[in-house]
Amino acid sequence: MPSGRPVGSLVAALLVTASAGCGDDRRTVALIDAALVEPDTVQLSVGSCDGDPEISRLVAGPRQVQVEVTATVRETGDQCADAVELVLDEPLGQRVLIDLTSGGAVPVGGPTG
């Protein structure tokens, strides 16, 4: 008579496999837009949905500011965007904001509010 153990092990293995495919995907995300809120502070919108975004890389030079944001991606698209604040050591001024994920320049809008 077969024991219940192999079936139980198989069910446990299937549950682990199924949940591994549904896990959150933490990765770099592209910037959707940017708005200057203070001379040295830019609010960035990114395509994650409650994904706890954080700035994972920042290279600030005299002509451009390069930024990379990492977040947990649960959905795609901008129907549920997150915001993260980029605080610079000095005002953004005329420097160009570069999204390191897409490689493109991101227009920075005026102060919000």
PDB file of N, CA and C in Angstrom:
ATOM      1  N   MET A   1       0.848  -1.174   0.000  1.00  0.00           N
ATOM      2  CA  MET A   1       0.000   0.000   0.000  1.00  0.00           C
ATOM      3  C   MET A   1       0.898   1.243   0.000  1.00  0.00           C
ATOM      4  N   PRO A   2       0.667   2.181  -0.925  1.00  0.00           N
ATOM      5  CA  PRO A   2       1.523   3.358  -1.003  1.00  0.00           C
ATOM      6  C   PRO A   2       1.297   4.287   0.187  1.00  0.00           C
ATOM      7  N   SER A   3       2.384   4.899   0.616  1.00  0.00           N
ATOM      8  CA  SER A   3       2.264   5.847   1.731  1.00  0.00           C
ATOM      9  C   SER A   3       1.876   7.222   1.205  1.00  0.00           C
ATOM     10  N   GLY A   4       1.424   8.105   2.090  1.00  0.00           N
ATOM     11  CA  GLY A   4       1.038   9.462   1.705  1.00  0.00           C
ATOM     12  C   GLY A   4       2.230  10.390   1.540  1.00  0.00           C
ATOM     13  N   ARG A   5       3.396   9.930   1.911  1.00  0.00           N
ATOM     14  CA  ARG A   5       4.561  10.801   1.889  1.00  0.00           C
ATOM     15  C   ARG A   5       4.955  11.268   0.490  1.00  0.00           C
ATOM     16  N   PRO A   6       5.057  10.406  -0.526  1.00  0.00           N
ATOM     17  CA  PRO A   6       5.445  10.895  -1.844  1.00  0.00           C
ATOM     18  C   PRO A   6       4.457  11.919  -2.391  1.00  0.00           C
ATOM     19  N   VAL A   7       3.172  11.718  -2.165  1.00  0.00           N
ATOM     20  CA  VAL A   7       2.182  12.671  -2.647  1.00  0.00           C
ATOM     21  C   VAL A   7       2.349  14.002  -1.914  1.00  0.00           C
ATOM     22  N   GLY A   8       2.555  13.946  -0.599  1.00  0.00           N
ATOM     23  CA  GLY A   8       2.769  15.165   0.173  1.00  0.00           C
ATOM     24  C   GLY A   8       4.005  15.914  -0.297  1.00  0.00           C
ATOM     25  N   SER A   9       5.077  15.183  -0.593  1.00  0.00           N
ATOM     26  CA  SER A   9       6.298  15.819  -1.092  1.00  0.00           C
ATOM     27  C   SER A   9       6.056  16.451  -2.448  1.00  0.00           C
ATOM     28  N   LEU A  10       5.285  15.761  -3.292  1.00  0.00           N
ATOM     29  CA  LEU A  10       4.981  16.287  -4.618  1.00  0.00           C
ATOM     30  C   LEU A  10       4.151  17.563  -4.504  1.00  0.00           C
ATOM     31  N   VAL A  11       3.160  17.583  -3.634  1.00  0.00           N
ATOM     32  CA  VAL A  11       2.332  18.775  -3.442  1.00  0.00           C
ATOM     33  C   VAL A  11       3.190  19.929  -2.931  1.00  0.00           C
ATOM     34  N   ALA A  12       4.064  19.667  -1.970  1.00  0.00           N
ATOM     35  CA  ALA A  12       4.938  20.716  -1.443  1.00  0.00           C
ATOM     36  C   ALA A  12       5.851  21.252  -2.537  1.00  0.00           C
ATOM     37  N   ALA A  13       6.400  20.375  -3.368  1.00  0.00           N
ATOM     38  CA  ALA A  13       7.278  20.805  -4.459  1.00  0.00           C
ATOM     39  C   ALA A  13       6.515  21.655  -5.463  1.00  0.00           C
ATOM     40  N   LEU A  14       5.282  21.271  -5.779  1.00  0.00           N
ATOM     41  CA  LEU A  14       4.474  22.050  -6.710  1.00  0.00           C
ATOM     42  C   LEU A  14       4.145  23.427  -6.144  1.00  0.00           C
ATOM     43  N   LEU A  15       3.844  23.505  -4.853  1.00  0.00           N
ATOM     44  CA  LEU A  15       3.549  24.796  -4.238  1.00  0.00           C
ATOM     45  C   LEU A  15       4.768  25.711  -4.258  1.00  0.00           C
ATOM     46  N   VAL A  16       5.942  25.167  -3.971  1.00  0.00           N
ATOM     47  CA  VAL A  16       7.166  25.966  -4.003  1.00  0.00           C
ATOM     48  C   VAL A  16       7.431  26.452  -5.416  1.00  0.00           C
ATOM     49  N   THR A  17       7.272  25.581  -6.408  1.00  0.00           N
ATOM     50  CA  THR A  17       7.494  25.956  -7.803  1.00  0.00           C
ATOM     51  C   THR A  17       6.498  27.019  -8.243  1.00  0.00           C
ATOM     52  N   ALA A  18       5.240  26.862  -7.889  1.00  0.00           N
ATOM     53  CA  ALA A  18       4.216  27.823  -8.294  1.00  0.00           C
ATOM     54  C   ALA A  18       4.457  29.179  -7.648  1.00  0.00           C
ATOM     55  N   SER A  19       4.823  29.197  -6.372  1.00  0.00           N
ATOM     56  CA  SER A  19       5.038  30.481  -5.716  1.00  0.00           C
ATOM     57  C   SER A  19       6.314  31.149  -6.196  1.00  0.00           C
ATOM     58  N   ALA A  20       7.292  30.388  -6.660  1.00  0.00           N
ATOM     59  CA  ALA A  20       8.523  30.992  -7.183  1.00  0.00           C
ATOM     60  C   ALA A  20       8.229  31.797  -8.435  1.00  0.00           C
ATOM     61  N   GLY A  21       7.278  31.371  -9.242  1.00  0.00           N
ATOM     62  CA  GLY A  21       6.930  32.099 -10.449  1.00  0.00           C
ATOM     63  C   GLY A  21       6.130  33.356 -10.175  1.00  0.00           C
ATOM     64  N   CYS A  22       5.529  33.463  -8.999  1.00  0.00           N
ATOM     65  CA  CYS A  22       4.693  34.616  -8.670  1.00  0.00           C
ATOM     66  C   CYS A  22       5.422  35.634  -7.807  1.00  0.00           C
ATOM     67  N   GLY A  23       6.699  35.423  -7.565  1.00  0.00           N
ATOM     68  CA  GLY A  23       7.448  36.325  -6.703  1.00  0.00           C
ATOM     69  C   GLY A  23       7.611  37.703  -7.310  1.00  0.00           C
ATOM     70  N   ASP A  24       7.930  38.657  -6.471  1.00  0.00           N
ATOM     71  CA  ASP A  24       8.157  40.016  -6.925  1.00  0.00           C
ATOM     72  C   ASP A  24       9.490  40.087  -7.649  1.00  0.00           C
ATOM     73  N   ASP A  25       9.555  40.968  -8.629  1.00  0.00           N
ATOM     74  CA  ASP A  25      10.735  41.114  -9.462  1.00  0.00           C
ATOM     75  C   ASP A  25      11.373  42.467  -9.177  1.00  0.00           C
ATOM     76  N   ARG A  26      12.458  42.486  -8.419  1.00  0.00           N
ATOM     77  CA  ARG A  26      13.155  43.736  -8.089  1.00  0.00           C
ATOM     78  C   ARG A  26      14.185  43.993  -9.180  1.00  0.00           C
ATOM     79  N   ARG A  27      14.033  45.152  -9.864  1.00  0.00           N
ATOM     80  CA  ARG A  27      14.921  45.467 -10.988  1.00  0.00           C
ATOM     81  C   ARG A  27      14.920  46.969 -11.241  1.00  0.00           C
ATOM     82  N   THR A  28      15.768  47.383 -12.162  1.00  0.00           N
ATOM     83  CA  THR A  28      15.782  48.795 -12.521  1.00  0.00           C
ATOM     84  C   THR A  28      14.521  49.105 -13.316  1.00  0.00           C
ATOM     85  N   VAL A  29      14.023  50.315 -13.127  1.00  0.00           N
ATOM     86  CA  VAL A  29      12.805  50.750 -13.808  1.00  0.00           C
ATOM     87  C   VAL A  29      13.063  52.087 -14.491  1.00  0.00           C
ATOM     88  N   ALA A  30      12.408  52.279 -15.620  1.00  0.00           N
ATOM     89  CA  ALA A  30      12.565  53.517 -16.381  1.00  0.00           C
ATOM     90  C   ALA A  30      11.799  54.657 -15.718  1.00  0.00           C
ATOM     91  N   LEU A  31      12.324  55.854 -15.898  1.00  0.00           N
ATOM     92  CA  LEU A  31      11.638  57.045 -15.411  1.00  0.00           C
ATOM     93  C   LEU A  31      10.495  57.387 -16.350  1.00  0.00           C
ATOM     94  N   ILE A  32       9.349  57.753 -15.789  1.00  0.00           N
ATOM     95  CA  ILE A  32       8.201  58.188 -16.583  1.00  0.00           C
ATOM     96  C   ILE A  32       8.278  59.694 -16.791  1.00  0.00           C
ATOM     97  N   ASP A  33       8.534  60.417 -15.704  1.00  0.00           N
ATOM     98  CA  ASP A  33       8.718  61.863 -15.811  1.00  0.00           C
ATOM     99  C   ASP A  33       9.445  62.372 -14.575  1.00  0.00           C
ATOM    100  N   ALA A  34       9.755  63.671 -14.598  1.00  0.00           N
ATOM    101  CA  ALA A  34      10.488  64.287 -13.500  1.00  0.00           C
ATOM    102  C   ALA A  34       9.998  65.716 -13.319  1.00  0.00           C
ATOM    103  N   ALA A  35       9.960  66.160 -12.063  1.00  0.00           N
ATOM    104  CA  ALA A  35       9.531  67.527 -11.752  1.00  0.00           C
ATOM    105  C   ALA A  35      10.460  68.117 -10.698  1.00  0.00           C
ATOM    106  N   LEU A  36      10.905  69.328 -10.948  1.00  0.00           N
ATOM    107  CA  LEU A  36      11.758  70.040 -10.005  1.00  0.00           C
ATOM    108  C   LEU A  36      10.881  70.576  -8.872  1.00  0.00           C
ATOM    109  N   VAL A  37      11.150  70.152  -7.633  1.00  0.00           N
ATOM    110  CA  VAL A  37      10.367  70.627  -6.493  1.00  0.00           C
ATOM    111  C   VAL A  37      11.141  71.647  -5.658  1.00  0.00           C
ATOM    112  N   GLU A  38      12.432  71.611  -5.742  1.00  0.00           N
ATOM    113  CA  GLU A  38      13.354  72.574  -5.133  1.00  0.00           C
ATOM    114  C   GLU A  38      14.534  72.659  -6.093  1.00  0.00           C
ATOM    115  N   PRO A  39      15.352  73.703  -6.020  1.00  0.00           N
ATOM    116  CA  PRO A  39      16.487  73.792  -6.944  1.00  0.00           C
ATOM    117  C   PRO A  39      17.391  72.556  -6.935  1.00  0.00           C
ATOM    118  N   ASP A  40      17.470  71.874  -5.771  1.00  0.00           N
ATOM    119  CA  ASP A  40      18.327  70.693  -5.668  1.00  0.00           C
ATOM    120  C   ASP A  40      17.547  69.389  -5.479  1.00  0.00           C
ATOM    121  N   THR A  41      16.229  69.414  -5.712  1.00  0.00           N
ATOM    122  CA  THR A  41      15.390  68.235  -5.480  1.00  0.00           C
ATOM    123  C   THR A  41      14.475  67.990  -6.676  1.00  0.00           C
ATOM    124  N   VAL A  42      14.536  66.763  -7.192  1.00  0.00           N
ATOM    125  CA  VAL A  42      13.724  66.370  -8.343  1.00  0.00           C
ATOM    126  C   VAL A  42      12.849  65.197  -7.924  1.00  0.00           C
ATOM    127  N   GLN A  43      11.547  65.299  -8.178  1.00  0.00           N
ATOM    128  CA  GLN A  43      10.643  64.175  -7.930  1.00  0.00           C
ATOM    129  C   GLN A  43      10.579  63.347  -9.203  1.00  0.00           C
ATOM    130  N   LEU A  44      10.924  62.067  -9.086  1.00  0.00           N
ATOM    131  CA  LEU A  44      10.932  61.153 -10.222  1.00  0.00           C
ATOM    132  C   LEU A  44       9.722  60.233 -10.144  1.00  0.00           C
ATOM    133  N   SER A  45       9.037  60.030 -11.261  1.00  0.00           N
ATOM    134  CA  SER A  45       7.951  59.046 -11.346  1.00  0.00           C
ATOM    135  C   SER A  45       8.478  57.847 -12.108  1.00  0.00           C
ATOM    136  N   VAL A  46       8.224  56.658 -11.562  1.00  0.00           N
ATOM    137  CA  VAL A  46       8.713  55.425 -12.178  1.00  0.00           C
ATOM    138  C   VAL A  46       7.581  54.429 -12.362  1.00  0.00           C
ATOM    139  N   GLY A  47       7.762  53.511 -13.289  1.00  0.00           N
ATOM    140  CA  GLY A  47       6.747  52.524 -13.621  1.00  0.00           C
ATOM    141  C   GLY A  47       6.763  51.307 -12.728  1.00  0.00           C
ATOM    142  N   SER A  48       6.457  51.505 -11.460  1.00  0.00           N
ATOM    143  CA  SER A  48       6.251  50.380 -10.547  1.00  0.00           C
ATOM    144  C   SER A  48       4.996  50.703  -9.745  1.00  0.00           C
ATOM    145  N   CYS A  49       4.400  49.698  -9.164  1.00  0.00           N
ATOM    146  CA  CYS A  49       3.152  49.889  -8.433  1.00  0.00           C
ATOM    147  C   CYS A  49       3.383  49.489  -6.977  1.00  0.00           C
ATOM    148  N   ASP A  50       3.497  50.489  -6.100  1.00  0.00           N
ATOM    149  CA  ASP A  50       3.833  50.238  -4.695  1.00  0.00           C
ATOM    150  C   ASP A  50       5.089  49.376  -4.597  1.00  0.00           C
ATOM    151  N   GLY A  51       6.076  49.736  -5.415  1.00  0.00           N
ATOM    152  CA  GLY A  51       7.284  48.925  -5.543  1.00  0.00           C
ATOM    153  C   GLY A  51       8.467  49.379  -4.722  1.00  0.00           C
ATOM    154  N   ASP A  52       8.254  50.294  -3.759  1.00  0.00           N
ATOM    155  CA  ASP A  52       9.324  50.756  -2.887  1.00  0.00           C
ATOM    156  C   ASP A  52      10.557  51.169  -3.694  1.00  0.00           C
ATOM    157  N   PRO A  53      10.404  52.155  -4.595  1.00  0.00           N
ATOM    158  CA  PRO A  53      11.530  52.548  -5.439  1.00  0.00           C
ATOM    159  C   PRO A  53      12.631  53.235  -4.640  1.00  0.00           C
ATOM    160  N   GLU A  54      13.857  53.037  -5.088  1.00  0.00           N
ATOM    161  CA  GLU A  54      15.003  53.698  -4.476  1.00  0.00           C
ATOM    162  C   GLU A  54      16.028  54.019  -5.546  1.00  0.00           C
ATOM    163  N   ILE A  55      16.774  55.071  -5.321  1.00  0.00           N
ATOM    164  CA  ILE A  55      17.831  55.434  -6.255  1.00  0.00           C
ATOM    165  C   ILE A  55      18.984  54.474  -6.021  1.00  0.00           C
ATOM    166  N   SER A  56      19.314  53.700  -7.043  1.00  0.00           N
ATOM    167  CA  SER A  56      20.354  52.691  -6.912  1.00  0.00           C
ATOM    168  C   SER A  56      21.690  53.145  -7.486  1.00  0.00           C
ATOM    169  N   ARG A  57      21.657  54.191  -8.306  1.00  0.00           N
ATOM    170  CA  ARG A  57      22.911  54.719  -8.864  1.00  0.00           C
ATOM    171  C   ARG A  57      22.706  56.188  -9.206  1.00  0.00           C
ATOM    172  N   LEU A  58      23.694  57.001  -8.869  1.00  0.00           N
ATOM    173  CA  LEU A  58      23.640  58.432  -9.160  1.00  0.00           C
ATOM    174  C   LEU A  58      25.039  58.900  -9.529  1.00  0.00           C
ATOM    175  N   VAL A  59      25.142  59.515 -10.705  1.00  0.00           N
ATOM    176  CA  VAL A  59      26.399  60.101 -11.161  1.00  0.00           C
ATOM    177  C   VAL A  59      26.089  61.543 -11.545  1.00  0.00           C
ATOM    178  N   ALA A  60      26.543  62.484 -10.723  1.00  0.00           N
ATOM    179  CA  ALA A  60      26.271  63.899 -10.968  1.00  0.00           C
ATOM    180  C   ALA A  60      27.541  64.571 -11.474  1.00  0.00           C
ATOM    181  N   GLY A  61      27.455  65.096 -12.675  1.00  0.00           N
ATOM    182  CA  GLY A  61      28.585  65.796 -13.268  1.00  0.00           C
ATOM    183  C   GLY A  61      28.228  67.238 -13.567  1.00  0.00           C
ATOM    184  N   PRO A  62      29.143  67.976 -14.192  1.00  0.00           N
ATOM    185  CA  PRO A  62      28.894  69.392 -14.467  1.00  0.00           C
ATOM    186  C   PRO A  62      27.849  69.644 -15.553  1.00  0.00           C
ATOM    187  N   ARG A  63      27.614  68.664 -16.443  1.00  0.00           N
ATOM    188  CA  ARG A  63      26.669  68.865 -17.551  1.00  0.00           C
ATOM    189  C   ARG A  63      25.431  67.982 -17.482  1.00  0.00           C
ATOM    190  N   GLN A  64      25.516  66.920 -16.712  1.00  0.00           N
ATOM    191  CA  GLN A  64      24.366  66.020 -16.626  1.00  0.00           C
ATOM    192  C   GLN A  64      24.330  65.314 -15.283  1.00  0.00           C
ATOM    193  N   VAL A  65      23.128  64.833 -14.957  1.00  0.00           N
ATOM    194  CA  VAL A  65      22.909  64.015 -13.767  1.00  0.00           C
ATOM    195  C   VAL A  65      22.332  62.700 -14.266  1.00  0.00           C
ATOM    196  N   GLN A  66      23.062  61.613 -14.019  1.00  0.00           N
ATOM    197  CA  GLN A  66      22.619  60.284 -14.433  1.00  0.00           C
ATOM    198  C   GLN A  66      22.047  59.570 -13.213  1.00  0.00           C
ATOM    199  N   VAL A  67      20.875  58.978 -13.393  1.00  0.00           N
ATOM    200  CA  VAL A  67      20.218  58.328 -12.264  1.00  0.00           C
ATOM    201  C   VAL A  67      19.622  56.991 -12.698  1.00  0.00           C
ATOM    202  N   GLU A  68      19.693  56.034 -11.776  1.00  0.00           N
ATOM    203  CA  GLU A  68      19.078  54.721 -11.979  1.00  0.00           C
ATOM    204  C   GLU A  68      18.207  54.450 -10.761  1.00  0.00           C
ATOM    205  N   VAL A  69      16.994  53.972 -11.010  1.00  0.00           N
ATOM    206  CA  VAL A  69      16.054  53.658  -9.932  1.00  0.00           C
ATOM    207  C   VAL A  69      15.740  52.169  -9.976  1.00  0.00           C
ATOM    208  N   THR A  70      15.734  51.543  -8.809  1.00  0.00           N
ATOM    209  CA  THR A  70      15.387  50.133  -8.669  1.00  0.00           C
ATOM    210  C   THR A  70      14.094  50.040  -7.862  1.00  0.00           C
ATOM    211  N   ALA A  71      13.199  49.142  -8.297  1.00  0.00           N
ATOM    212  CA  ALA A  71      11.921  48.960  -7.597  1.00  0.00           C
ATOM    213  C   ALA A  71      11.451  47.526  -7.765  1.00  0.00           C
ATOM    214  N   THR A  72      10.500  47.145  -6.947  1.00  0.00           N
ATOM    215  CA  THR A  72       9.850  45.850  -7.091  1.00  0.00           C
ATOM    216  C   THR A  72       8.702  46.038  -8.071  1.00  0.00           C
ATOM    217  N   VAL A  73       8.762  45.317  -9.168  1.00  0.00           N
ATOM    218  CA  VAL A  73       7.770  45.485 -10.230  1.00  0.00           C
ATOM    219  C   VAL A  73       6.707  44.409 -10.094  1.00  0.00           C
ATOM    220  N   ARG A  74       5.478  44.867  -9.872  1.00  0.00           N
ATOM    221  CA  ARG A  74       4.339  43.953  -9.757  1.00  0.00           C
ATOM    222  C   ARG A  74       3.429  44.071 -10.965  1.00  0.00           C
ATOM    223  N   GLU A  75       3.431  45.234 -11.590  1.00  0.00           N
ATOM    224  CA  GLU A  75       2.621  45.486 -12.780  1.00  0.00           C
ATOM    225  C   GLU A  75       3.460  46.296 -13.746  1.00  0.00           C
ATOM    226  N   THR A  76       3.102  46.257 -15.013  1.00  0.00           N
ATOM    227  CA  THR A  76       3.796  47.081 -15.988  1.00  0.00           C
ATOM    228  C   THR A  76       2.922  48.260 -16.367  1.00  0.00           C
ATOM    229  N   GLY A  77       3.534  49.256 -16.941  1.00  0.00           N
ATOM    230  CA  GLY A  77       2.791  50.431 -17.368  1.00  0.00           C
ATOM    231  C   GLY A  77       2.819  51.516 -16.322  1.00  0.00           C
ATOM    232  N   ASP A  78       2.226  52.654 -16.665  1.00  0.00           N
ATOM    233  CA  ASP A  78       2.255  53.778 -15.744  1.00  0.00           C
ATOM    234  C   ASP A  78       0.906  54.031 -15.084  1.00  0.00           C
ATOM    235  N   GLN A  79      -0.029  53.072 -15.157  1.00  0.00           N
ATOM    236  CA  GLN A  79      -1.323  53.257 -14.519  1.00  0.00           C
ATOM    237  C   GLN A  79      -1.186  53.267 -13.004  1.00  0.00           C
ATOM    238  N   CYS A  80      -0.094  52.770 -12.490  1.00  0.00           N
ATOM    239  CA  CYS A  80       0.170  52.789 -11.056  1.00  0.00           C
ATOM    240  C   CYS A  80       1.640  53.127 -10.879  1.00  0.00           C
ATOM    241  N   ALA A  81       1.964  54.396 -10.903  1.00  0.00           N
ATOM    242  CA  ALA A  81       3.353  54.838 -10.817  1.00  0.00           C
ATOM    243  C   ALA A  81       3.727  55.170  -9.376  1.00  0.00           C
ATOM    244  N   ASP A  82       5.015  55.053  -9.081  1.00  0.00           N
ATOM    245  CA  ASP A  82       5.563  55.435  -7.788  1.00  0.00           C
ATOM    246  C   ASP A  82       6.424  56.672  -7.963  1.00  0.00           C
ATOM    247  N   ALA A  83       6.632  57.385  -6.874  1.00  0.00           N
ATOM    248  CA  ALA A  83       7.502  58.563  -6.893  1.00  0.00           C
ATOM    249  C   ALA A  83       8.668  58.344  -5.936  1.00  0.00           C
ATOM    250  N   VAL A  84       9.805  58.890  -6.322  1.00  0.00           N
ATOM    251  CA  VAL A  84      10.990  58.865  -5.465  1.00  0.00           C
ATOM    252  C   VAL A  84      11.678  60.219  -5.613  1.00  0.00           C
ATOM    253  N   GLU A  85      12.199  60.737  -4.508  1.00  0.00           N
ATOM    254  CA  GLU A  85      12.857  62.038  -4.530  1.00  0.00           C
ATOM    255  C   GLU A  85      14.349  61.882  -4.737  1.00  0.00           C
ATOM    256  N   LEU A  86      14.866  62.672  -5.656  1.00  0.00           N
ATOM    257  CA  LEU A  86      16.295  62.737  -5.917  1.00  0.00           C
ATOM    258  C   LEU A  86      16.796  64.055  -5.332  1.00  0.00           C
ATOM    259  N   VAL A  87      17.621  63.977  -4.296  1.00  0.00           N
ATOM    260  CA  VAL A  87      18.178  65.171  -3.663  1.00  0.00           C
ATOM    261  C   VAL A  87      19.645  65.263  -4.068  1.00  0.00           C
ATOM    262  N   LEU A  88      19.987  66.373  -4.711  1.00  0.00           N
ATOM    263  CA  LEU A  88      21.337  66.585  -5.223  1.00  0.00           C
ATOM    264  C   LEU A  88      22.169  67.411  -4.244  1.00  0.00           C
ATOM    265  N   ASP A  89      23.480  67.324  -4.365  1.00  0.00           N
ATOM    266  CA  ASP A  89      24.377  68.121  -3.526  1.00  0.00           C
ATOM    267  C   ASP A  89      24.343  69.597  -3.896  1.00  0.00           C
ATOM    268  N   GLU A  90      23.969  69.888  -5.140  1.00  0.00           N
ATOM    269  CA  GLU A  90      23.853  71.267  -5.607  1.00  0.00           C
ATOM    270  C   GLU A  90      22.681  71.350  -6.571  1.00  0.00           C
ATOM    271  N   PRO A  91      22.179  72.544  -6.868  1.00  0.00           N
ATOM    272  CA  PRO A  91      21.012  72.672  -7.752  1.00  0.00           C
ATOM    273  C   PRO A  91      21.210  71.994  -9.112  1.00  0.00           C
ATOM    274  N   LEU A  92      20.104  71.496  -9.660  1.00  0.00           N
ATOM    275  CA  LEU A  92      20.145  70.863 -10.978  1.00  0.00           C
ATOM    276  C   LEU A  92      20.577  71.869 -12.040  1.00  0.00           C
ATOM    277  N   GLY A  93      20.072  73.082 -11.947  1.00  0.00           N
ATOM    278  CA  GLY A  93      20.449  74.125 -12.905  1.00  0.00           C
ATOM    279  C   GLY A  93      20.144  73.714 -14.339  1.00  0.00           C
ATOM    280  N   GLN A  94      21.104  73.901 -15.228  1.00  0.00           N
ATOM    281  CA  GLN A  94      20.937  73.587 -16.651  1.00  0.00           C
ATOM    282  C   GLN A  94      21.378  72.164 -16.999  1.00  0.00           C
ATOM    283  N   ARG A  95      21.745  71.386 -16.001  1.00  0.00           N
ATOM    284  CA  ARG A  95      22.200  70.016 -16.281  1.00  0.00           C
ATOM    285  C   ARG A  95      21.053  69.163 -16.814  1.00  0.00           C
ATOM    286  N   VAL A  96      21.406  68.222 -17.662  1.00  0.00           N
ATOM    287  CA  VAL A  96      20.437  67.306 -18.266  1.00  0.00           C
ATOM    288  C   VAL A  96      20.288  66.085 -17.360  1.00  0.00           C
ATOM    289  N   LEU A  97      19.043  65.642 -17.144  1.00  0.00           N
ATOM    290  CA  LEU A  97      18.763  64.441 -16.362  1.00  0.00           C
ATOM    291  C   LEU A  97      18.739  63.251 -17.307  1.00  0.00           C
ATOM    292  N   ILE A  98      19.580  62.244 -17.027  1.00  0.00           N
ATOM    293  CA  ILE A  98      19.683  61.046 -17.864  1.00  0.00           C
ATOM    294  C   ILE A  98      19.186  59.842 -17.071  1.00  0.00           C
ATOM    295  N   ASP A  99      18.275  59.078 -17.670  1.00  0.00           N
ATOM    296  CA  ASP A  99      17.778  57.827 -17.089  1.00  0.00           C
ATOM    297  C   ASP A  99      18.730  56.717 -17.513  1.00  0.00           C
ATOM    298  N   LEU A 100      19.475  56.151 -16.574  1.00  0.00           N
ATOM    299  CA  LEU A 100      20.437  55.104 -16.906  1.00  0.00           C
ATOM    300  C   LEU A 100      19.768  53.811 -17.366  1.00  0.00           C
ATOM    301  N   THR A 101      18.515  53.602 -17.024  1.00  0.00           N
ATOM    302  CA  THR A 101      17.817  52.390 -17.463  1.00  0.00           C
ATOM    303  C   THR A 101      17.464  52.465 -18.938  1.00  0.00           C
ATOM    304  N   SER A 102      16.910  53.585 -19.374  1.00  0.00           N
ATOM    305  CA  SER A 102      16.529  53.731 -20.786  1.00  0.00           C
ATOM    306  C   SER A 102      17.654  54.322 -21.626  1.00  0.00           C
ATOM    307  N   GLY A 103      18.564  55.039 -20.977  1.00  0.00           N
ATOM    308  CA  GLY A 103      19.646  55.700 -21.695  1.00  0.00           C
ATOM    309  C   GLY A 103      19.274  57.066 -22.247  1.00  0.00           C
ATOM    310  N   GLY A 104      18.032  57.484 -22.039  1.00  0.00           N
ATOM    311  CA  GLY A 104      17.560  58.734 -22.616  1.00  0.00           C
ATOM    312  C   GLY A 104      17.517  59.888 -21.633  1.00  0.00           C
ATOM    313  N   ALA A 105      17.456  61.088 -22.209  1.00  0.00           N
ATOM    314  CA  ALA A 105      17.285  62.297 -21.405  1.00  0.00           C
ATOM    315  C   ALA A 105      15.823  62.395 -20.973  1.00  0.00           C
ATOM    316  N   VAL A 106      15.609  62.868 -19.761  1.00  0.00           N
ATOM    317  CA  VAL A 106      14.258  63.016 -19.216  1.00  0.00           C
ATOM    318  C   VAL A 106      13.994  64.502 -18.987  1.00  0.00           C
ATOM    319  N   PRO A 107      12.973  65.057 -19.653  1.00  0.00           N
ATOM    320  CA  PRO A 107      12.643  66.463 -19.416  1.00  0.00           C
ATOM    321  C   PRO A 107      12.212  66.669 -17.958  1.00  0.00           C
ATOM    322  N   VAL A 108      12.684  67.744 -17.376  1.00  0.00           N
ATOM    323  CA  VAL A 108      12.340  68.053 -15.991  1.00  0.00           C
ATOM    324  C   VAL A 108      11.358  69.214 -15.997  1.00  0.00           C
ATOM    325  N   GLY A 109      10.157  68.961 -15.484  1.00  0.00           N
ATOM    326  CA  GLY A 109       9.136  69.997 -15.411  1.00  0.00           C
ATOM    327  C   GLY A 109       9.422  70.974 -14.289  1.00  0.00           C
ATOM    328  N   GLY A 110       8.665  72.058 -14.274  1.00  0.00           N
ATOM    329  CA  GLY A 110       8.828  73.092 -13.260  1.00  0.00           C
ATOM    330  C   GLY A 110       8.338  72.653 -11.902  1.00  0.00           C
ATOM    331  N   PRO A 111       8.440  73.547 -10.931  1.00  0.00           N
ATOM    332  CA  PRO A 111       8.000  73.213  -9.568  1.00  0.00           C
ATOM    333  C   PRO A 111       6.544  72.765  -9.537  1.00  0.00           C
ATOM    334  N   THR A 112       6.270  71.770  -8.695  1.00  0.00           N
ATOM    335  CA  THR A 112       4.901  71.278  -8.531  1.00  0.00           C
ATOM    336  C   THR A 112       4.245  72.023  -7.389  1.00  0.00           C
ATOM    337  N   GLY A 113       2.948  71.933  -7.344  1.00  0.00           N
ATOM    338  CA  GLY A 113       2.283  72.521  -6.195  1.00  0.00           C
ATOM    339  C   GLY A 113       1.254  73.428  -6.631  1.00  0.00           C
TER     340      GLY A 113
END
